[in-house]
Amino acid sequence: MMLPMPASYAFDTSSKDKPEAFQQAARILLSRGFKLIDFDSLKPWGFYLSVDESQAKAFKDEFYGPDALPDLDFSLPLRPKFLGVAPGLRLSWQWHHRRSEIWRPIKGEFQVVLSKTDKEAQPRLVEQNQIVNIPQGMRHRGIGTENWALIAEIWRHTEPANPSNEDDIVRVQDDFGR
């Protein structure tokens, strides 16, 4: 699904400097009043920055648009975050027990692989502003193209009494031996 982009964001997708890419992503969030609750700038494939869950609606409105995702239930816990996927690198081939995910590249593009089984399908290109829905249990992997991709991600916790966290990852394959 393609929706118009709500705003323009200063993020240099061609940067070769990972710390600078991380700082640019953090500045986008902080300059718009988002509170960071967790981050990891040392991921081998790039980085992530998590936003306070109480700001999920504002995050959705800012990075997806106010009319996007009309069925998103804000009475349930949602975790907004940014993923920065470095050029040519791959996230693990993975799935989650307690969350589904929504991804939208706000700068750059990336490839995604989705499958209901452990067998990887062919990657498909996800261009800036396209939305990818990843149901709970769906195997998935993001793959960097020739430039950085900055992805606005929203976790939907599928077990509200037992919310997902960064440990809720079942890795089927990982380029980095994790």
C-alpha atoms as a PDB file:
ATOM      1  CA  MET A   1       0.000   0.000   0.000  1.00  0.00           C
ATOM      2  CA  MET A   2       1.331   3.448  -0.868  1.00  0.00           C
ATOM      3  CA  LEU A   3       0.248   6.558   1.004  1.00  0.00           C
ATOM      4  CA  PRO A   4       1.543  10.105   0.655  1.00  0.00           C
ATOM      5  CA  MET A   5       4.432  10.952   2.946  1.00  0.00           C
ATOM      6  CA  PRO A   6       3.367  13.272   5.767  1.00  0.00           C
ATOM      7  CA  ALA A   7       6.670  15.180   5.983  1.00  0.00           C
ATOM      8  CA  SER A   8      10.252  15.346   4.756  1.00  0.00           C
ATOM      9  CA  TYR A   9      13.022  13.963   6.951  1.00  0.00           C
ATOM     10  CA  ALA A  10      16.726  14.853   7.021  1.00  0.00           C
ATOM     11  CA  PHE A  11      18.411  11.461   6.715  1.00  0.00           C
ATOM     12  CA  ASP A  12      21.336  10.870   4.356  1.00  0.00           C
ATOM     13  CA  THR A  13      20.665   7.429   2.864  1.00  0.00           C
ATOM     14  CA  SER A  14      24.045   7.474   1.086  1.00  0.00           C
ATOM     15  CA  SER A  15      26.059   7.983   4.290  1.00  0.00           C
ATOM     16  CA  LYS A  16      28.922   5.547   4.873  1.00  0.00           C
ATOM     17  CA  ASP A  17      29.113   6.568   8.544  1.00  0.00           C
ATOM     18  CA  LYS A  18      26.885   4.379  10.759  1.00  0.00           C
ATOM     19  CA  PRO A  19      27.174   6.599  13.872  1.00  0.00           C
ATOM     20  CA  GLU A  20      26.100   9.608  11.797  1.00  0.00           C
ATOM     21  CA  ALA A  21      23.121   7.694  10.344  1.00  0.00           C
ATOM     22  CA  PHE A  22      22.111   6.710  13.888  1.00  0.00           C
ATOM     23  CA  GLN A  23      22.407  10.332  15.086  1.00  0.00           C
ATOM     24  CA  GLN A  24      20.337  11.604  12.154  1.00  0.00           C
ATOM     25  CA  ALA A  25      17.567   9.105  12.972  1.00  0.00           C
ATOM     26  CA  ALA A  26      17.639  10.072  16.656  1.00  0.00           C
ATOM     27  CA  ARG A  27      17.432  13.776  15.723  1.00  0.00           C
ATOM     28  CA  ILE A  28      14.322  13.133  13.617  1.00  0.00           C
ATOM     29  CA  LEU A  29      12.571  11.537  16.583  1.00  0.00           C
ATOM     30  CA  LEU A  30      13.794  13.939  19.267  1.00  0.00           C
ATOM     31  CA  SER A  31      13.086  17.063  17.197  1.00  0.00           C
ATOM     32  CA  ARG A  32       9.464  15.943  16.926  1.00  0.00           C
ATOM     33  CA  GLY A  33       9.108  15.428  20.686  1.00  0.00           C
ATOM     34  CA  PHE A  34       9.369  11.642  20.804  1.00  0.00           C
ATOM     35  CA  LYS A  35      10.839  10.083  23.945  1.00  0.00           C
ATOM     36  CA  LEU A  36      13.378   7.321  23.325  1.00  0.00           C
ATOM     37  CA  ILE A  37      13.045   4.394  25.733  1.00  0.00           C
ATOM     38  CA  ASP A  38      15.548   1.969  24.171  1.00  0.00           C
ATOM     39  CA  PHE A  39      18.069   1.890  21.363  1.00  0.00           C
ATOM     40  CA  ASP A  40      20.885  -0.217  19.969  1.00  0.00           C
ATOM     41  CA  SER A  41      23.411   1.421  17.661  1.00  0.00           C
ATOM     42  CA  LEU A  42      25.566  -1.718  17.574  1.00  0.00           C
ATOM     43  CA  LYS A  43      23.297  -4.086  15.678  1.00  0.00           C
ATOM     44  CA  PRO A  44      25.467  -5.757  13.016  1.00  0.00           C
ATOM     45  CA  TRP A  45      22.893  -4.893  10.323  1.00  0.00           C
ATOM     46  CA  GLY A  46      22.329  -1.282  11.486  1.00  0.00           C
ATOM     47  CA  PHE A  47      20.405   0.087  14.491  1.00  0.00           C
ATOM     48  CA  TYR A  48      17.051   0.600  16.148  1.00  0.00           C
ATOM     49  CA  LEU A  49      15.504   3.316  18.336  1.00  0.00           C
ATOM     50  CA  SER A  50      12.342   2.574  20.363  1.00  0.00           C
ATOM     51  CA  VAL A  51       9.817   5.273  21.263  1.00  0.00           C
ATOM     52  CA  ASP A  52       7.645   5.435  24.389  1.00  0.00           C
ATOM     53  CA  GLU A  53       4.500   3.384  23.767  1.00  0.00           C
ATOM     54  CA  SER A  54       2.285   6.224  25.027  1.00  0.00           C
ATOM     55  CA  GLN A  55       3.313   8.100  21.848  1.00  0.00           C
ATOM     56  CA  ALA A  56       2.193   5.352  19.427  1.00  0.00           C
ATOM     57  CA  LYS A  57      -0.649   7.384  17.888  1.00  0.00           C
ATOM     58  CA  ALA A  58       1.546  10.471  17.406  1.00  0.00           C
ATOM     59  CA  PHE A  59       4.251   8.241  15.855  1.00  0.00           C
ATOM     60  CA  LYS A  60       1.720   6.643  13.497  1.00  0.00           C
ATOM     61  CA  ASP A  61       0.318  10.049  12.497  1.00  0.00           C
ATOM     62  CA  GLU A  62       3.798  11.510  11.922  1.00  0.00           C
ATOM     63  CA  PHE A  63       5.425   8.656   9.999  1.00  0.00           C
ATOM     64  CA  TYR A  64       2.455   6.903   8.371  1.00  0.00           C
ATOM     65  CA  GLY A  65      -0.020   9.764   8.126  1.00  0.00           C
ATOM     66  CA  PRO A  66      -3.227  10.516  10.056  1.00  0.00           C
ATOM     67  CA  ASP A  67      -5.410   8.511   7.625  1.00  0.00           C
ATOM     68  CA  ALA A  68      -3.156   5.448   7.450  1.00  0.00           C
ATOM     69  CA  LEU A  69      -3.782   2.188   9.316  1.00  0.00           C
ATOM     70  CA  PRO A  70      -7.431   2.903  10.199  1.00  0.00           C
ATOM     71  CA  ASP A  71      -7.806  -0.523  11.891  1.00  0.00           C
ATOM     72  CA  LEU A  72      -4.885  -0.008  14.296  1.00  0.00           C
ATOM     73  CA  ASP A  73      -6.256  -0.415  17.839  1.00  0.00           C
ATOM     74  CA  PHE A  74      -4.640   2.154  20.144  1.00  0.00           C
ATOM     75  CA  SER A  75      -6.315   0.640  23.211  1.00  0.00           C
ATOM     76  CA  LEU A  76      -3.809  -2.249  22.924  1.00  0.00           C
ATOM     77  CA  PRO A  77      -0.072  -1.868  23.553  1.00  0.00           C
ATOM     78  CA  LEU A  78       1.898  -0.750  20.481  1.00  0.00           C
ATOM     79  CA  ARG A  79       5.669  -0.198  20.265  1.00  0.00           C
ATOM     80  CA  PRO A  80       6.843   2.435  17.775  1.00  0.00           C
ATOM     81  CA  LYS A  81      10.451   2.370  16.640  1.00  0.00           C
ATOM     82  CA  PHE A  82      12.890   3.173  13.872  1.00  0.00           C
ATOM     83  CA  LEU A  83      15.016   0.572  12.146  1.00  0.00           C
ATOM     84  CA  GLY A  84      18.098   1.692  10.242  1.00  0.00           C
ATOM     85  CA  VAL A  85      19.145  -1.002   7.757  1.00  0.00           C
ATOM     86  CA  ALA A  86      22.698  -0.581   6.454  1.00  0.00           C
ATOM     87  CA  PRO A  87      23.555  -0.970   2.774  1.00  0.00           C
ATOM     88  CA  GLY A  88      23.878  -4.601   1.703  1.00  0.00           C
ATOM     89  CA  LEU A  89      23.263  -6.099   5.164  1.00  0.00           C
ATOM     90  CA  ARG A  90      20.473  -8.444   6.261  1.00  0.00           C
ATOM     91  CA  LEU A  91      18.455  -8.801   9.437  1.00  0.00           C
ATOM     92  CA  SER A  92      18.110 -12.372  10.621  1.00  0.00           C
ATOM     93  CA  TRP A  93      15.518 -14.656   9.007  1.00  0.00           C
ATOM     94  CA  GLN A  94      13.132 -14.586  11.985  1.00  0.00           C
ATOM     95  CA  TRP A  95       9.665 -14.644  13.454  1.00  0.00           C
ATOM     96  CA  HIS A  96       8.001 -13.639  16.727  1.00  0.00           C
ATOM     97  CA  HIS A  97       5.727 -15.382  19.250  1.00  0.00           C
ATOM     98  CA  ARG A  98       4.001 -12.264  20.646  1.00  0.00           C
ATOM     99  CA  ARG A  99       3.945  -9.538  18.040  1.00  0.00           C
ATOM    100  CA  SER A 100       3.094  -8.580  14.512  1.00  0.00           C
ATOM    101  CA  GLU A 101       4.914  -5.705  12.805  1.00  0.00           C
ATOM    102  CA  ILE A 102       4.196  -2.923  10.346  1.00  0.00           C
ATOM    103  CA  TRP A 103       7.140  -1.440   8.420  1.00  0.00           C
ATOM    104  CA  ARG A 104       7.268   1.711   6.303  1.00  0.00           C
ATOM    105  CA  PRO A 105      10.523   3.101   4.898  1.00  0.00           C
ATOM    106  CA  ILE A 106      10.419   6.864   5.406  1.00  0.00           C
ATOM    107  CA  LYS A 107      13.789   7.355   3.694  1.00  0.00           C
ATOM    108  CA  GLY A 108      15.361   4.986   1.202  1.00  0.00           C
ATOM    109  CA  GLU A 109      14.247   1.533   0.197  1.00  0.00           C
ATOM    110  CA  PHE A 110      14.989  -2.046   1.226  1.00  0.00           C
ATOM    111  CA  GLN A 111      14.081  -5.585   0.287  1.00  0.00           C
ATOM    112  CA  VAL A 112      11.818  -7.803   2.352  1.00  0.00           C
ATOM    113  CA  VAL A 113      11.395 -11.559   2.405  1.00  0.00           C
ATOM    114  CA  LEU A 114       8.160 -12.996   3.827  1.00  0.00           C
ATOM    115  CA  SER A 115       7.141 -16.646   4.218  1.00  0.00           C
ATOM    116  CA  LYS A 116       4.747 -18.736   6.307  1.00  0.00           C
ATOM    117  CA  THR A 117       7.435 -21.440   6.545  1.00  0.00           C
ATOM    118  CA  ASP A 118      11.156 -21.548   7.359  1.00  0.00           C
ATOM    119  CA  LYS A 119      11.932 -21.602   3.609  1.00  0.00           C
ATOM    120  CA  GLU A 120      12.865 -18.142   2.361  1.00  0.00           C
ATOM    121  CA  ALA A 121      10.926 -16.762  -0.570  1.00  0.00           C
ATOM    122  CA  GLN A 122      12.312 -14.345  -3.153  1.00  0.00           C
ATOM    123  CA  PRO A 123      12.988 -10.831  -1.809  1.00  0.00           C
ATOM    124  CA  ARG A 124      10.827  -8.003  -3.049  1.00  0.00           C
ATOM    125  CA  LEU A 125      11.685  -4.329  -3.162  1.00  0.00           C
ATOM    126  CA  VAL A 126       9.898  -2.014  -0.715  1.00  0.00           C
ATOM    127  CA  GLU A 127      10.148   1.578  -1.875  1.00  0.00           C
ATOM    128  CA  GLN A 128       9.951   4.679   0.277  1.00  0.00           C
ATOM    129  CA  ASN A 129       6.454   5.144   1.769  1.00  0.00           C
ATOM    130  CA  GLN A 130       5.176   1.628   1.000  1.00  0.00           C
ATOM    131  CA  ILE A 131       3.738  -0.302   3.954  1.00  0.00           C
ATOM    132  CA  VAL A 132       4.564  -3.919   4.808  1.00  0.00           C
ATOM    133  CA  ASN A 133       2.349  -5.837   7.256  1.00  0.00           C
ATOM    134  CA  ILE A 134       4.044  -8.793   8.958  1.00  0.00           C
ATOM    135  CA  PRO A 135       1.572 -11.006  10.876  1.00  0.00           C
ATOM    136  CA  GLN A 136       2.606 -12.723  14.123  1.00  0.00           C
ATOM    137  CA  GLY A 137       4.488 -15.927  13.267  1.00  0.00           C
ATOM    138  CA  MET A 138       5.324 -14.846   9.695  1.00  0.00           C
ATOM    139  CA  ARG A 139       8.971 -15.446   8.839  1.00  0.00           C
ATOM    140  CA  HIS A 140      10.587 -12.232   7.648  1.00  0.00           C
ATOM    141  CA  ARG A 141      13.876 -10.524   6.876  1.00  0.00           C
ATOM    142  CA  GLY A 142      14.793  -6.979   5.875  1.00  0.00           C
ATOM    143  CA  ILE A 143      17.681  -6.571   3.443  1.00  0.00           C
ATOM    144  CA  GLY A 144      19.602  -3.370   2.798  1.00  0.00           C
ATOM    145  CA  THR A 145      20.022  -2.225  -0.788  1.00  0.00           C
ATOM    146  CA  GLU A 146      22.838   0.053  -1.959  1.00  0.00           C
ATOM    147  CA  ASN A 147      21.913   2.821   0.538  1.00  0.00           C
ATOM    148  CA  TRP A 148      20.561   3.078   4.072  1.00  0.00           C
ATOM    149  CA  ALA A 149      16.852   2.527   4.688  1.00  0.00           C
ATOM    150  CA  LEU A 150      15.182   4.282   7.611  1.00  0.00           C
ATOM    151  CA  ILE A 151      12.044   2.331   8.518  1.00  0.00           C
ATOM    152  CA  ALA A 152       9.221   3.440  10.816  1.00  0.00           C
ATOM    153  CA  GLU A 153       8.078   0.254  12.549  1.00  0.00           C
ATOM    154  CA  ILE A 154       5.081  -0.401  14.786  1.00  0.00           C
ATOM    155  CA  TRP A 155       4.848  -3.571  16.885  1.00  0.00           C
ATOM    156  CA  ARG A 156       1.385  -4.835  17.679  1.00  0.00           C
ATOM    157  CA  HIS A 157       1.614  -6.921  20.839  1.00  0.00           C
ATOM    158  CA  THR A 158      -0.514 -10.011  20.180  1.00  0.00           C
ATOM    159  CA  GLU A 159      -0.609 -10.953  23.900  1.00  0.00           C
ATOM    160  CA  PRO A 160      -1.357  -7.655  25.700  1.00  0.00           C
ATOM    161  CA  ALA A 161      -0.902  -9.282  29.138  1.00  0.00           C
ATOM    162  CA  ASN A 162       2.568 -10.478  28.063  1.00  0.00           C
ATOM    163  CA  PRO A 163       3.915  -7.779  25.693  1.00  0.00           C
ATOM    164  CA  SER A 164       6.679  -8.607  23.255  1.00  0.00           C
ATOM    165  CA  ASN A 165      10.225  -7.383  23.802  1.00  0.00           C
ATOM    166  CA  GLU A 166      13.593  -7.517  22.036  1.00  0.00           C
ATOM    167  CA  ASP A 167      14.056 -11.132  23.211  1.00  0.00           C
ATOM    168  CA  ASP A 168      10.928 -12.274  21.327  1.00  0.00           C
ATOM    169  CA  ILE A 169      12.921 -13.319  18.265  1.00  0.00           C
ATOM    170  CA  VAL A 170      13.135 -16.824  16.857  1.00  0.00           C
ATOM    171  CA  ARG A 171      16.080 -16.761  14.466  1.00  0.00           C
ATOM    172  CA  VAL A 172      15.863 -19.338  11.689  1.00  0.00           C
ATOM    173  CA  GLN A 173      19.071 -18.070  10.016  1.00  0.00           C
ATOM    174  CA  ASP A 174      21.460 -15.238  10.814  1.00  0.00           C
ATOM    175  CA  ASP A 175      24.443 -13.905   8.841  1.00  0.00           C
ATOM    176  CA  PHE A 176      26.091 -12.835  12.103  1.00  0.00           C
ATOM    177  CA  GLY A 177      25.949 -16.136  14.000  1.00  0.00           C
ATOM    178  CA  ARG A 178      23.525 -14.958  16.660  1.00  0.00           C
END
